[in-house]
Amino acid sequence: MVKVITIMDDVYAELYSLKKSKGMSFTQAIRFLLKERREESRGLINLAGSIEDKDINRSAVEKIRREYNRVR
């Protein structure tokens, strides 16, 4: 099924540039961007547990925590 969408000229230009550089159709370019977005949104979750306890700088973490609480 085909759908017609309307986008601003600047968005079209960026999408066209992406599709041309990767040899994709517009549909493939949009799918690529949607997949990339999904993967980025899972990025932090994928990193959970990847740092070993010995590699954590506790004083730096505490400093960040204090500063965060101060401005919050």
N, C-alpha and C. Protein backbone atom coordinates (compact mmCIF):
# COMPACT_ATOMS: atom_id res chain seq x y z
N MET A 1 0.84 -1.17 0.00
CA MET A 1 0.00 0.00 0.00
C MET A 1 0.90 1.24 0.00
N VAL A 2 0.50 2.22 -0.74
CA VAL A 2 1.26 3.46 -0.86
C VAL A 2 0.49 4.58 -0.16
N LYS A 3 1.22 5.40 0.60
CA LYS A 3 0.64 6.57 1.27
C LYS A 3 1.40 7.80 0.82
N VAL A 4 0.71 8.90 0.75
CA VAL A 4 1.34 10.17 0.41
C VAL A 4 1.49 10.96 1.69
N ILE A 5 2.70 11.49 1.93
CA ILE A 5 2.94 12.33 3.10
C ILE A 5 3.50 13.67 2.64
N THR A 6 3.35 14.67 3.48
CA THR A 6 3.89 15.99 3.18
C THR A 6 4.96 16.30 4.21
N ILE A 7 6.13 16.73 3.72
CA ILE A 7 7.21 17.13 4.62
C ILE A 7 7.77 18.47 4.15
N MET A 8 8.43 19.15 5.03
CA MET A 8 9.03 20.44 4.71
C MET A 8 10.22 20.23 3.77
N ASP A 9 10.54 21.26 3.00
CA ASP A 9 11.61 21.17 2.01
C ASP A 9 12.96 20.80 2.63
N ASP A 10 13.26 21.37 3.80
CA ASP A 10 14.56 21.07 4.42
C ASP A 10 14.65 19.62 4.86
N VAL A 11 13.55 19.05 5.32
CA VAL A 11 13.53 17.64 5.72
C VAL A 11 13.67 16.76 4.48
N TYR A 12 12.99 17.15 3.41
CA TYR A 12 13.10 16.40 2.16
C TYR A 12 14.55 16.38 1.68
N ALA A 13 15.21 17.54 1.74
CA ALA A 13 16.60 17.63 1.27
C ALA A 13 17.51 16.71 2.08
N GLU A 14 17.33 16.67 3.39
CA GLU A 14 18.15 15.80 4.23
C GLU A 14 17.86 14.33 3.95
N LEU A 15 16.58 14.01 3.82
CA LEU A 15 16.18 12.62 3.53
C LEU A 15 16.70 12.20 2.15
N TYR A 16 16.61 13.09 1.18
CA TYR A 16 17.11 12.80 -0.16
C TYR A 16 18.62 12.57 -0.14
N SER A 17 19.31 13.40 0.61
CA SER A 17 20.77 13.26 0.72
C SER A 17 21.14 11.91 1.34
N LEU A 18 20.42 11.52 2.40
CA LEU A 18 20.68 10.23 3.04
C LEU A 18 20.42 9.08 2.07
N LYS A 19 19.28 9.11 1.40
CA LYS A 19 18.92 8.02 0.50
C LYS A 19 19.91 7.91 -0.65
N LYS A 20 20.35 9.05 -1.16
CA LYS A 20 21.29 9.05 -2.28
C LYS A 20 22.66 8.51 -1.84
N SER A 21 23.12 8.94 -0.66
CA SER A 21 24.44 8.52 -0.21
C SER A 21 24.51 7.03 0.11
N LYS A 22 23.38 6.45 0.48
CA LYS A 22 23.36 5.03 0.84
C LYS A 22 22.74 4.16 -0.25
N GLY A 23 22.35 4.77 -1.37
CA GLY A 23 21.76 4.01 -2.46
C GLY A 23 20.43 3.38 -2.08
N MET A 24 19.62 4.12 -1.34
CA MET A 24 18.34 3.60 -0.84
C MET A 24 17.17 4.28 -1.54
N SER A 25 16.02 3.68 -1.40
CA SER A 25 14.78 4.35 -1.77
C SER A 25 14.36 5.21 -0.58
N PHE A 26 13.36 6.07 -0.77
CA PHE A 26 12.87 6.86 0.36
C PHE A 26 12.34 5.95 1.47
N THR A 27 11.63 4.90 1.09
CA THR A 27 11.11 3.96 2.09
C THR A 27 12.24 3.33 2.88
N GLN A 28 13.28 2.90 2.21
CA GLN A 28 14.42 2.29 2.90
C GLN A 28 15.11 3.30 3.82
N ALA A 29 15.22 4.55 3.37
CA ALA A 29 15.86 5.58 4.19
C ALA A 29 15.05 5.84 5.46
N ILE A 30 13.74 5.90 5.33
CA ILE A 30 12.88 6.11 6.50
C ILE A 30 12.97 4.92 7.44
N ARG A 31 12.93 3.70 6.90
CA ARG A 31 13.09 2.51 7.74
C ARG A 31 14.43 2.53 8.48
N PHE A 32 15.49 2.91 7.77
CA PHE A 32 16.82 3.01 8.36
C PHE A 32 16.82 3.97 9.55
N LEU A 33 16.23 5.15 9.37
CA LEU A 33 16.18 6.15 10.44
C LEU A 33 15.33 5.67 11.62
N LEU A 34 14.23 5.00 11.35
CA LEU A 34 13.38 4.49 12.43
C LEU A 34 14.10 3.40 13.21
N LYS A 35 14.79 2.52 12.51
CA LYS A 35 15.55 1.46 13.19
C LYS A 35 16.66 2.06 14.04
N GLU A 36 17.37 3.04 13.47
CA GLU A 36 18.44 3.72 14.20
C GLU A 36 17.89 4.37 15.49
N ARG A 37 16.74 4.98 15.38
CA ARG A 37 16.11 5.62 16.55
C ARG A 37 15.76 4.59 17.62
N ARG A 38 15.19 3.46 17.21
CA ARG A 38 14.85 2.41 18.17
C ARG A 38 16.10 1.89 18.88
N GLU A 39 17.15 1.69 18.12
CA GLU A 39 18.40 1.17 18.70
C GLU A 39 19.01 2.18 19.66
N GLU A 40 18.96 3.47 19.32
CA GLU A 40 19.49 4.49 20.21
C GLU A 40 18.71 4.57 21.51
N SER A 41 17.40 4.39 21.43
CA SER A 41 16.58 4.49 22.63
C SER A 41 16.86 3.34 23.59
N ARG A 42 17.37 2.24 23.07
CA ARG A 42 17.73 1.10 23.91
C ARG A 42 19.18 1.16 24.35
N GLY A 43 19.92 2.15 23.88
CA GLY A 43 21.35 2.24 24.12
C GLY A 43 21.75 2.17 25.58
N LEU A 44 21.13 2.98 26.42
CA LEU A 44 21.48 2.98 27.84
C LEU A 44 21.14 1.67 28.51
N ILE A 45 20.02 1.10 28.13
CA ILE A 45 19.62 -0.19 28.71
C ILE A 45 20.64 -1.26 28.34
N ASN A 46 21.12 -1.22 27.10
CA ASN A 46 22.11 -2.20 26.66
C ASN A 46 23.43 -2.05 27.40
N LEU A 47 23.71 -0.85 27.90
CA LEU A 47 24.96 -0.62 28.61
C LEU A 47 24.89 -1.03 30.08
N ALA A 48 23.71 -1.22 30.60
CA ALA A 48 23.55 -1.56 32.02
C ALA A 48 24.37 -2.79 32.36
N GLY A 49 25.20 -2.67 33.39
CA GLY A 49 26.01 -3.79 33.84
C GLY A 49 27.30 -3.98 33.06
N SER A 50 27.58 -3.10 32.12
CA SER A 50 28.77 -3.30 31.29
C SER A 50 30.04 -2.73 31.93
N ILE A 51 29.90 -1.92 32.98
CA ILE A 51 31.07 -1.37 33.66
C ILE A 51 31.34 -2.20 34.90
N GLU A 52 32.57 -2.64 35.01
CA GLU A 52 32.93 -3.43 36.19
C GLU A 52 33.06 -2.52 37.41
N ASP A 53 32.72 -3.05 38.54
CA ASP A 53 32.73 -2.30 39.79
C ASP A 53 34.09 -1.64 40.05
N LYS A 54 35.15 -2.33 39.71
CA LYS A 54 36.50 -1.80 39.97
C LYS A 54 36.81 -0.59 39.09
N ASP A 55 36.07 -0.40 37.99
CA ASP A 55 36.32 0.70 37.07
C ASP A 55 35.51 1.96 37.40
N ILE A 56 34.69 1.91 38.42
CA ILE A 56 33.86 3.05 38.79
C ILE A 56 34.62 3.97 39.72
N ASN A 57 34.69 5.23 39.37
CA ASN A 57 35.32 6.25 40.20
C ASN A 57 34.26 6.76 41.18
N ARG A 58 34.24 6.18 42.36
CA ARG A 58 33.19 6.50 43.34
C ARG A 58 33.14 7.98 43.71
N SER A 59 34.31 8.62 43.84
CA SER A 59 34.30 10.03 44.23
C SER A 59 33.70 10.89 43.12
N ALA A 60 33.96 10.55 41.86
CA ALA A 60 33.38 11.29 40.74
C ALA A 60 31.87 11.09 40.69
N VAL A 61 31.43 9.87 40.92
CA VAL A 61 29.99 9.60 40.94
C VAL A 61 29.32 10.39 42.05
N GLU A 62 29.91 10.41 43.21
CA GLU A 62 29.34 11.14 44.34
C GLU A 62 29.30 12.64 44.06
N LYS A 63 30.34 13.16 43.43
CA LYS A 63 30.39 14.59 43.08
C LYS A 63 29.26 14.93 42.10
N ILE A 64 29.05 14.10 41.11
CA ILE A 64 27.97 14.30 40.14
C ILE A 64 26.62 14.23 40.84
N ARG A 65 26.47 13.27 41.73
CA ARG A 65 25.21 13.10 42.47
C ARG A 65 24.91 14.34 43.31
N ARG A 66 25.92 14.85 44.01
CA ARG A 66 25.73 16.05 44.85
C ARG A 66 25.34 17.25 43.99
N GLU A 67 26.02 17.43 42.87
CA GLU A 67 25.73 18.56 41.98
C GLU A 67 24.32 18.43 41.40
N TYR A 68 23.94 17.24 41.01
CA TYR A 68 22.59 17.00 40.49
C TYR A 68 21.54 17.36 41.53
N ASN A 69 21.74 16.91 42.76
CA ASN A 69 20.79 17.21 43.83
C ASN A 69 20.74 18.69 44.15
N ARG A 70 21.88 19.36 43.99
CA ARG A 70 21.93 20.79 44.29
C ARG A 70 21.11 21.59 43.27
N VAL A 71 21.21 21.26 42.00
CA VAL A 71 20.49 22.03 40.98
C VAL A 71 19.05 21.56 40.79
N ARG A 72 18.75 20.42 41.29
CA ARG A 72 17.38 19.89 41.17
C ARG A 72 16.50 20.54 42.15
